[in-house]
Protein backbone atom coordinates (compact mmCIF):
# COMPACT_ATOMS: atom_id res chain seq x y z
CA MET A 1 -0.05 -0.03 0.00
CA ALA A 2 1.49 3.41 -0.89
CA GLN A 3 2.46 5.90 1.71
CA THR A 4 3.93 9.42 1.94
CA GLY A 5 6.35 11.15 4.14
CA ARG A 6 8.27 9.39 6.93
CA ALA A 7 5.88 6.52 6.45
CA ALA A 8 7.06 5.87 3.09
CA GLU A 9 10.65 5.62 4.14
CA ALA A 10 9.70 3.41 6.99
CA ALA A 11 7.96 0.90 4.72
CA THR A 12 11.11 0.08 2.76
CA SER A 13 12.73 -3.34 3.36
CA PRO A 14 14.86 -3.58 6.45
CA ALA A 15 18.56 -3.62 6.21
CA ARG A 16 20.39 -5.55 8.93
CA GLU A 17 17.15 -6.63 10.68
CA TYR A 18 17.41 -6.33 14.41
CA ALA A 19 15.30 -8.22 17.13
CA PRO A 20 14.89 -5.76 20.13
CA SER A 21 15.26 -7.42 23.48
CA ARG A 22 12.22 -7.96 25.65
CA GLU A 23 13.19 -4.95 27.51
CA GLU A 24 13.41 -2.90 24.54
CA LEU A 25 9.96 -4.04 23.25
CA ARG A 26 8.49 -2.97 26.54
CA ARG A 27 10.11 0.39 26.31
CA LEU A 28 8.66 0.96 22.76
CA VAL A 29 5.18 -0.15 23.65
CA ALA A 30 5.29 1.87 26.81
CA HIS A 31 5.82 4.95 24.81
CA ALA A 32 3.23 3.85 22.17
CA ILE A 33 0.31 3.75 24.73
CA LEU A 34 1.12 7.25 25.66
CA ALA A 35 -0.24 8.39 22.35
CA PRO A 36 -3.87 10.06 22.24
CA SER A 37 -6.96 8.07 21.58
CA GLY A 38 -10.53 9.46 21.18
CA GLY A 39 -12.07 9.50 24.75
CA ASN A 40 -8.80 7.97 25.78
CA VAL A 41 -10.29 4.67 25.27
CA GLN A 42 -6.80 3.18 24.24
CA ALA A 43 -8.35 0.72 21.69
CA TRP A 44 -5.20 -0.92 20.68
CA ARG A 45 -3.30 -4.17 21.27
CA PHE A 46 0.44 -5.13 20.61
CA GLU A 47 1.88 -8.61 19.98
CA ALA A 48 5.74 -8.92 20.15
CA LEU A 49 6.90 -12.00 18.07
CA PRO A 50 9.98 -13.96 19.02
CA ASP A 51 11.74 -12.97 15.88
CA GLY A 52 11.50 -9.17 16.89
CA ARG A 53 8.71 -8.33 14.67
CA MET A 54 5.72 -6.62 16.36
CA ARG A 55 2.04 -6.93 15.33
CA CYS A 56 -0.22 -3.93 15.90
CA PHE A 57 -4.10 -4.31 16.33
CA TYR A 58 -7.04 -2.13 17.13
CA ASP A 59 -9.47 -3.43 19.78
CA ALA A 60 -12.71 -3.45 18.12
CA ALA A 61 -14.52 -4.15 21.62
CA ARG A 62 -13.15 -1.10 23.03
CA ALA A 63 -13.42 1.02 19.76
CA GLU A 64 -17.11 0.55 19.16
CA ASN A 65 -18.57 4.22 19.11
CA PHE A 66 -20.86 6.15 17.03
CA LEU A 67 -18.23 8.68 16.39
CA ASP A 68 -15.62 6.22 15.40
CA PHE A 69 -16.98 5.88 11.85
CA ALA A 70 -15.78 2.65 10.21
CA PHE A 71 -12.88 2.67 12.96
CA SER A 72 -11.27 5.52 11.45
CA ALA A 73 -10.53 7.11 14.88
CA SER A 74 -8.99 3.84 15.92
CA TYR A 75 -6.72 3.87 12.98
CA LEU A 76 -5.73 7.62 13.86
CA ALA A 77 -4.92 6.58 17.37
CA LEU A 78 -2.92 3.40 16.34
CA GLY A 79 -1.02 5.62 13.75
CA ALA A 80 -0.05 8.02 16.51
CA ALA A 81 1.02 5.15 18.70
CA VAL A 82 3.22 3.80 15.96
CA GLU A 83 4.73 7.26 15.42
CA ASN A 84 5.72 7.10 19.12
CA ILE A 85 7.36 3.68 18.62
CA ALA A 86 9.28 5.19 15.81
CA LEU A 87 10.50 8.04 17.69
CA SER A 88 11.52 5.88 20.72
CA ALA A 89 13.23 3.28 18.54
CA ALA A 90 15.36 6.06 16.81
CA THR A 91 16.77 7.01 20.32
CA LEU A 92 17.95 3.43 20.34
CA GLY A 93 19.52 3.63 16.89
CA LEU A 94 16.83 1.84 15.29
CA THR A 95 14.64 2.36 12.14
CA THR A 96 11.14 1.30 12.28
CA HIS A 97 9.71 -0.35 9.10
CA VAL A 98 6.09 -0.19 8.90
CA GLU A 99 3.98 -2.82 6.79
CA LEU A 100 0.32 -1.52 6.60
CA LEU A 101 -2.07 -4.41 5.84
CA PRO A 102 -5.07 -3.96 3.68
CA PRO A 103 -8.24 -4.11 5.79
CA ASP A 104 -9.63 -7.68 5.68
CA GLY A 105 -12.17 -7.66 8.51
CA SER A 106 -9.44 -8.55 11.15
CA GLU A 107 -8.32 -6.20 13.84
CA ARG A 108 -4.64 -6.49 12.65
CA VAL A 109 -3.61 -3.21 11.22
CA CYS A 110 0.28 -3.45 10.58
CA ASP A 111 3.35 -5.19 11.45
CA LEU A 112 6.59 -3.46 12.45
CA ARG A 113 10.13 -4.61 11.88
CA PHE A 114 13.46 -2.91 13.20
CA SER A 115 16.80 -2.47 11.61
CA GLN A 116 20.16 -1.29 13.05
CA HIS A 117 20.91 1.63 10.67
CA PRO A 118 20.72 5.32 11.58
CA PRO A 119 17.01 6.53 11.14
CA GLN A 120 16.48 9.21 8.45
CA ASP A 121 14.07 12.01 8.71
CA VAL A 122 13.22 11.30 12.25
CA PRO A 123 13.10 14.20 14.51
CA LEU A 124 14.85 12.71 17.41
CA GLU A 125 14.11 15.75 19.58
CA LEU A 126 10.36 14.99 19.67
CA ALA A 127 10.99 11.53 21.50
CA SER A 128 11.84 13.46 24.73
CA GLN A 129 8.37 15.00 24.60
CA ILE A 130 6.34 11.66 24.56
CA GLU A 131 6.06 11.42 28.26
CA ARG A 132 5.16 15.18 28.63
CA ARG A 133 2.49 15.32 25.87
CA CYS A 134 -0.97 15.69 27.30
CA THR A 135 -4.43 17.33 26.57
CA ASN A 136 -4.59 20.77 28.34
CA ARG A 137 -8.07 22.14 28.54
CA ARG A 138 -7.29 25.33 30.49
CA LEU A 139 -8.86 28.46 29.00
CA GLY A 140 -6.04 30.69 27.34
CA ASN A 141 -5.77 34.25 26.44
CA PRO A 142 -6.55 35.19 22.90
CA LYS A 143 -4.39 38.16 23.02
CA ALA A 144 -1.28 35.86 23.61
CA SER A 145 -0.29 35.23 19.85
CA ILE A 146 1.91 32.36 18.76
CA ALA A 147 5.15 33.39 16.94
CA PRO A 148 5.14 32.68 13.30
CA PRO A 149 8.29 30.37 13.46
CA SER A 150 6.42 28.23 16.03
CA LEU A 151 3.36 27.82 13.70
CA GLU A 152 5.64 26.88 10.86
CA ARG A 153 7.30 24.31 12.99
CA MET A 154 3.91 22.75 13.55
CA ARG A 155 3.04 22.86 9.90
CA ALA A 156 6.42 21.28 8.96
CA ALA A 157 5.70 18.38 11.50
CA ALA A 158 2.69 17.53 9.65
CA SER A 159 4.04 17.76 6.11
CA GLY A 160 6.89 15.57 7.23
CA CYS A 161 4.48 12.79 7.79
CA GLY A 162 2.47 13.25 4.74
CA ALA A 163 -0.23 15.60 6.16
CA ASN A 164 -1.34 19.18 5.88
CA LEU A 165 -1.94 21.54 8.73
CA GLN A 166 -4.21 24.67 8.50
CA LEU A 167 -3.64 27.14 11.38
CA VAL A 168 -6.15 29.85 12.13
CA THR A 169 -5.35 32.83 14.51
CA ASP A 170 -7.78 35.68 13.39
CA PRO A 171 -10.18 36.39 16.30
CA HIS A 172 -13.11 36.51 14.24
CA ALA A 173 -12.44 33.17 12.49
CA LEU A 174 -11.76 31.73 15.81
CA ALA A 175 -15.27 32.90 17.09
CA GLU A 176 -16.76 31.25 14.02
CA ILE A 177 -15.04 27.95 14.80
CA GLY A 178 -15.97 28.29 18.43
CA ALA A 179 -19.67 28.52 17.32
CA VAL A 180 -19.37 25.35 15.27
CA VAL A 181 -17.74 23.53 17.96
CA GLY A 182 -20.64 24.54 20.27
CA VAL A 183 -23.34 23.33 17.91
CA CYS A 184 -21.69 20.03 17.44
CA ASP A 185 -21.18 19.70 21.21
CA ARG A 186 -24.95 20.37 21.55
CA ILE A 187 -25.93 17.78 18.95
CA ARG A 188 -23.86 15.12 20.71
CA LEU A 189 -25.28 15.90 24.24
CA CYS A 190 -28.78 15.87 22.90
CA SER A 191 -28.60 12.54 21.18
CA GLU A 192 -29.29 9.60 23.32
CA LEU A 193 -26.86 7.32 21.82
CA MET A 194 -24.03 9.96 21.71
CA HIS A 195 -24.87 11.02 25.19
CA ARG A 196 -24.60 7.54 26.63
CA GLU A 197 -21.37 6.93 24.87
CA LEU A 198 -19.98 10.26 25.96
CA MET A 199 -21.03 9.88 29.72
CA ALA A 200 -19.52 6.33 29.57
CA GLU A 201 -16.12 7.89 28.88
CA VAL A 202 -16.08 10.17 32.10
CA ARG A 203 -14.41 9.15 35.25
CA TRP A 204 -16.07 11.08 38.10
CA THR A 205 -13.49 10.53 40.73
CA PRO A 206 -9.70 10.06 40.82
CA GLU A 207 -10.30 6.42 42.20
CA GLU A 208 -12.36 5.50 39.26
CA ALA A 209 -9.89 7.01 36.84
CA ALA A 210 -7.05 5.06 38.59
CA ARG A 211 -8.98 1.72 38.48
CA THR A 212 -10.05 1.82 35.00
CA GLY A 213 -6.86 3.49 33.56
CA ASP A 214 -8.85 5.02 30.72
CA GLY A 215 -11.59 7.47 30.05
CA VAL A 216 -11.70 11.15 30.63
CA ASP A 217 -11.10 12.12 34.19
CA VAL A 218 -13.41 14.84 35.12
CA GLN A 219 -10.63 16.85 36.61
CA THR A 220 -8.85 17.03 33.26
CA LEU A 221 -11.83 19.24 32.03
CA GLU A 222 -10.22 22.19 34.20
CA ALA A 223 -13.94 23.17 35.11
CA HIS A 224 -15.21 24.95 38.16
CA ALA A 225 -17.17 23.02 40.73
CA ALA A 226 -20.38 24.48 39.64
CA GLN A 227 -19.76 23.27 36.01
CA ILE A 228 -18.83 19.83 37.30
CA TRP A 229 -22.09 19.83 39.20
CA VAL A 230 -24.07 20.80 36.05
CA LEU A 231 -22.31 18.13 34.02
CA LYS A 232 -23.18 15.53 36.64
CA ARG A 233 -26.80 16.51 36.42
CA LEU A 234 -26.69 16.30 32.63
CA SER A 235 -25.14 12.90 32.85
CA ASN A 236 -28.70 11.66 33.34
CA TYR A 237 -30.29 11.90 29.77
CA ARG A 238 -33.73 12.46 31.22
CA ASN A 239 -32.41 15.86 32.48
CA VAL A 240 -31.16 16.74 29.05
CA GLN A 241 -34.60 15.79 27.58
CA ARG A 242 -36.58 18.10 30.15
CA LEU A 243 -34.35 21.07 29.13
CA MET A 244 -34.74 20.29 25.45
CA ARG A 245 -38.58 20.29 26.01
CA LEU A 246 -38.16 23.69 27.57
CA GLY A 247 -36.22 24.84 24.71
CA VAL A 248 -33.00 25.47 26.97
CA GLN A 249 -30.26 24.14 24.62
CA LYS A 250 -27.85 27.10 24.07
CA PRO A 251 -26.02 26.49 27.37
CA PHE A 252 -24.86 23.00 25.99
CA GLU A 253 -22.71 24.97 23.58
CA GLN A 254 -21.06 27.50 25.80
CA MET A 255 -18.04 25.58 27.12
CA GLY A 256 -16.90 24.35 23.75
CA ALA A 257 -17.58 27.85 22.04
CA ASP A 258 -15.86 29.71 24.97
CA SER A 259 -12.74 27.34 24.96
CA VAL A 260 -12.02 28.18 21.25
CA ARG A 261 -12.71 31.91 21.64
CA LYS A 262 -10.23 32.08 24.28
CA SER A 263 -7.50 30.33 22.43
CA SER A 264 -4.28 31.63 20.26
CA ALA A 265 -5.10 29.47 17.34
CA VAL A 266 -7.05 26.42 15.94
CA GLY A 267 -5.60 23.68 13.75
CA LEU A 268 -7.17 21.46 11.18
CA LEU A 269 -5.05 18.47 10.35
CA THR A 270 -6.03 16.76 7.05
CA VAL A 271 -4.64 13.87 4.83
CA PRO A 272 -5.24 13.48 1.18
CA GLY A 273 -8.02 10.71 1.44
CA THR A 274 -10.31 8.98 3.60
CA SER A 275 -9.12 5.35 3.71
CA HIS A 276 -7.87 3.48 6.82
CA GLN A 277 -4.46 4.01 5.61
CA ASP A 278 -4.96 7.86 5.10
CA TYR A 279 -6.17 7.93 8.89
CA PHE A 280 -3.24 5.79 10.04
CA THR A 281 -0.96 8.39 8.33
CA GLY A 282 -2.96 11.09 9.93
CA GLY A 283 -2.25 9.50 13.39
CA ARG A 284 1.42 9.62 12.87
CA ALA A 285 1.05 13.21 11.84
CA LEU A 286 -1.06 14.02 14.84
CA SER A 287 1.47 12.66 17.08
CA SER A 288 4.32 14.67 15.46
CA VAL A 289 2.39 17.86 15.48
CA TRP A 290 1.16 17.37 19.19
CA LEU A 291 4.81 16.60 20.32
CA THR A 292 5.86 19.64 18.44
CA SER A 293 3.39 21.91 20.36
CA THR A 294 4.61 20.16 23.72
CA ALA A 295 8.20 21.03 22.81
CA LEU A 296 6.87 24.62 22.15
CA GLU A 297 5.18 24.76 25.50
CA LEU A 298 1.80 25.38 24.03
CA GLY A 299 -1.40 23.95 25.57
CA PHE A 300 -3.20 21.56 23.07
CA GLN A 301 -6.85 20.26 23.21
CA PRO A 302 -8.42 18.17 20.63
CA LEU A 303 -11.73 19.31 19.23
CA ALA A 304 -12.32 15.73 17.77
CA VAL A 305 -16.26 15.76 17.85
CA VAL A 306 -16.23 18.18 14.65
CA PRO A 307 -14.27 16.07 12.25
CA CYS A 308 -15.63 12.80 13.65
CA MET A 309 -19.29 14.08 13.20
CA PHE A 310 -18.28 15.42 9.48
CA ALA A 311 -16.69 12.14 8.72
CA ARG A 312 -19.83 10.35 9.51
CA LEU A 313 -22.03 13.14 7.76
CA LEU A 314 -20.23 12.72 4.38
CA ARG A 315 -19.44 9.02 4.26
CA GLY A 316 -21.83 7.25 6.60
CA ALA A 317 -25.35 7.47 8.03
CA GLY A 318 -27.17 7.48 11.45
CA PHE A 319 -28.01 10.98 11.79
CA THR A 320 -31.77 12.21 12.04
CA SER A 321 -32.67 14.54 9.29
CA GLU A 322 -32.52 17.50 11.71
CA GLN A 323 -29.14 16.69 12.96
CA GLU A 324 -27.93 16.19 9.34
CA SER A 325 -29.54 19.63 8.37
CA LEU A 326 -27.75 21.28 11.30
CA LEU A 327 -24.28 19.69 10.62
CA ARG A 328 -24.36 20.70 6.94
CA ALA A 329 -25.02 24.24 7.88
CA GLN A 330 -21.94 24.14 10.36
CA ARG A 331 -19.86 22.64 7.76
CA ALA A 332 -20.83 25.34 5.32
CA ARG A 333 -20.02 27.96 8.27
CA LEU A 334 -16.61 26.27 8.98
CA GLY A 335 -15.78 26.23 5.23
CA LYS A 336 -15.81 29.96 5.24
CA VAL A 337 -12.84 30.09 7.48
CA LEU A 338 -11.18 26.70 6.75
CA GLN A 339 -10.43 25.17 3.55
CA LEU A 340 -12.45 21.89 3.39
CA ARG A 341 -12.47 19.34 0.77
CA ASP A 342 -14.95 16.32 0.97
CA VAL A 343 -12.58 14.11 -0.61
CA ALA A 344 -9.80 14.69 2.15
CA GLY A 345 -9.74 13.11 5.50
CA GLU A 346 -10.09 15.79 8.23
CA VAL A 347 -8.42 13.73 10.90
CA MET A 348 -8.12 16.33 13.82
CA MET A 349 -9.16 19.79 14.81
CA PHE A 350 -7.46 21.26 17.81
CA ARG A 351 -6.85 24.49 19.79
CA LEU A 352 -3.63 26.03 21.09
CA SER A 353 -3.04 28.28 24.07
CA HIS A 354 -0.21 29.70 26.13
CA VAL A 355 -1.58 28.17 29.40
CA SER A 356 0.14 26.60 32.63
CA PRO A 357 0.34 22.69 32.70
CA PRO A 358 -2.94 20.92 33.26
CA SER A 359 -3.82 20.10 36.93
CA THR A 360 -4.42 16.39 36.05
CA ARG A 361 -3.16 13.97 33.34
CA ALA A 362 -5.10 11.21 31.70
CA GLN A 363 -4.50 7.75 33.02
CA ARG A 364 -3.19 4.79 31.03
CA ARG A 365 -4.01 1.05 31.07
CA PRO A 366 -1.27 -1.32 32.40
CA LEU A 367 1.44 -2.18 29.85
CA ASP A 368 0.75 -5.99 30.37
CA ALA A 369 -2.88 -5.29 29.44
CA VAL A 370 -1.99 -4.27 25.85
CA LEU A 371 1.20 -6.09 25.14
CA THR A 372 1.60 -9.86 24.84
CA PHE A 373 4.58 -12.14 24.12
CA PRO A 374 3.30 -15.30 22.44
CA SER A 375 5.42 -18.36 22.83
CA PRO A 376 7.67 -19.53 19.81
């Protein structure tokens, strides 16, 4: 399967193939699982073979979600995890060779091999950011601009992986994007299915977050106690229905819209197509862009609900006629401030801010829960 950017170099046949030790493989996967995933579901598995190869899978049982259309978000997450592996392996003097497999109904996405020769075009400095990378939902100051060289570094990180990154800094454009994010948040909250899936991702206490090792710790929302109280009430869909009957829906849009308006920039990461391979490539680019923003000390928050909804709108089904009409209007609105192409994969939208580190970081599942060493 054809690839672009660093993925193309990594797909070439290995020279001086190398079998990493068990300890090295554990290190590589420990860095892999620090990659981002939608709702922090971590729907991935890794199998280290005796000959040093690694098989990478998505976990369909964990990935099943209305917004993960055709498992595209799972391919995105696994691509980010593989990029982390490639960066981590480069610090060991290893080149990672990725063999993407054509979708065949199984959960196996790609195989990795490693070789002992100096990696090419791998930004080694990003490897040191893997353990620092995190979602930061703190509200920023829109007057705190991001220097043009920093924006260019992020664009270069995307293009180096075969993706394109648009960055918007104009306050009026940010307000328009914020309004679109708010409406998409409202659609999600008012849909019984999407509401149920959203609330299943929330971890209401530190103990629950630590026990499950996944999901969205409510403390990572950086919300005030009153906002968390409201969210807790809205976790009961009957309360949402009552407000809908009363015509009270605008407050559902406020948090998302405000977060964008109080940002320094919004980015839209795209890839040329919409295949599983494209989303995998987009995941590698997402990791590279996010790690670059971490090195630049910028707060990064995904706005994944927008591209996920648009992906299903354009290529799937499942929305009501009212939801579809609303989403088409929002897409037209977004298209006035961002270049949108229906044939391209809009893999991630995110906001950037100059903010202090988050108060809480997302949990991770234990390494032994996702990495296996089959017997020879």
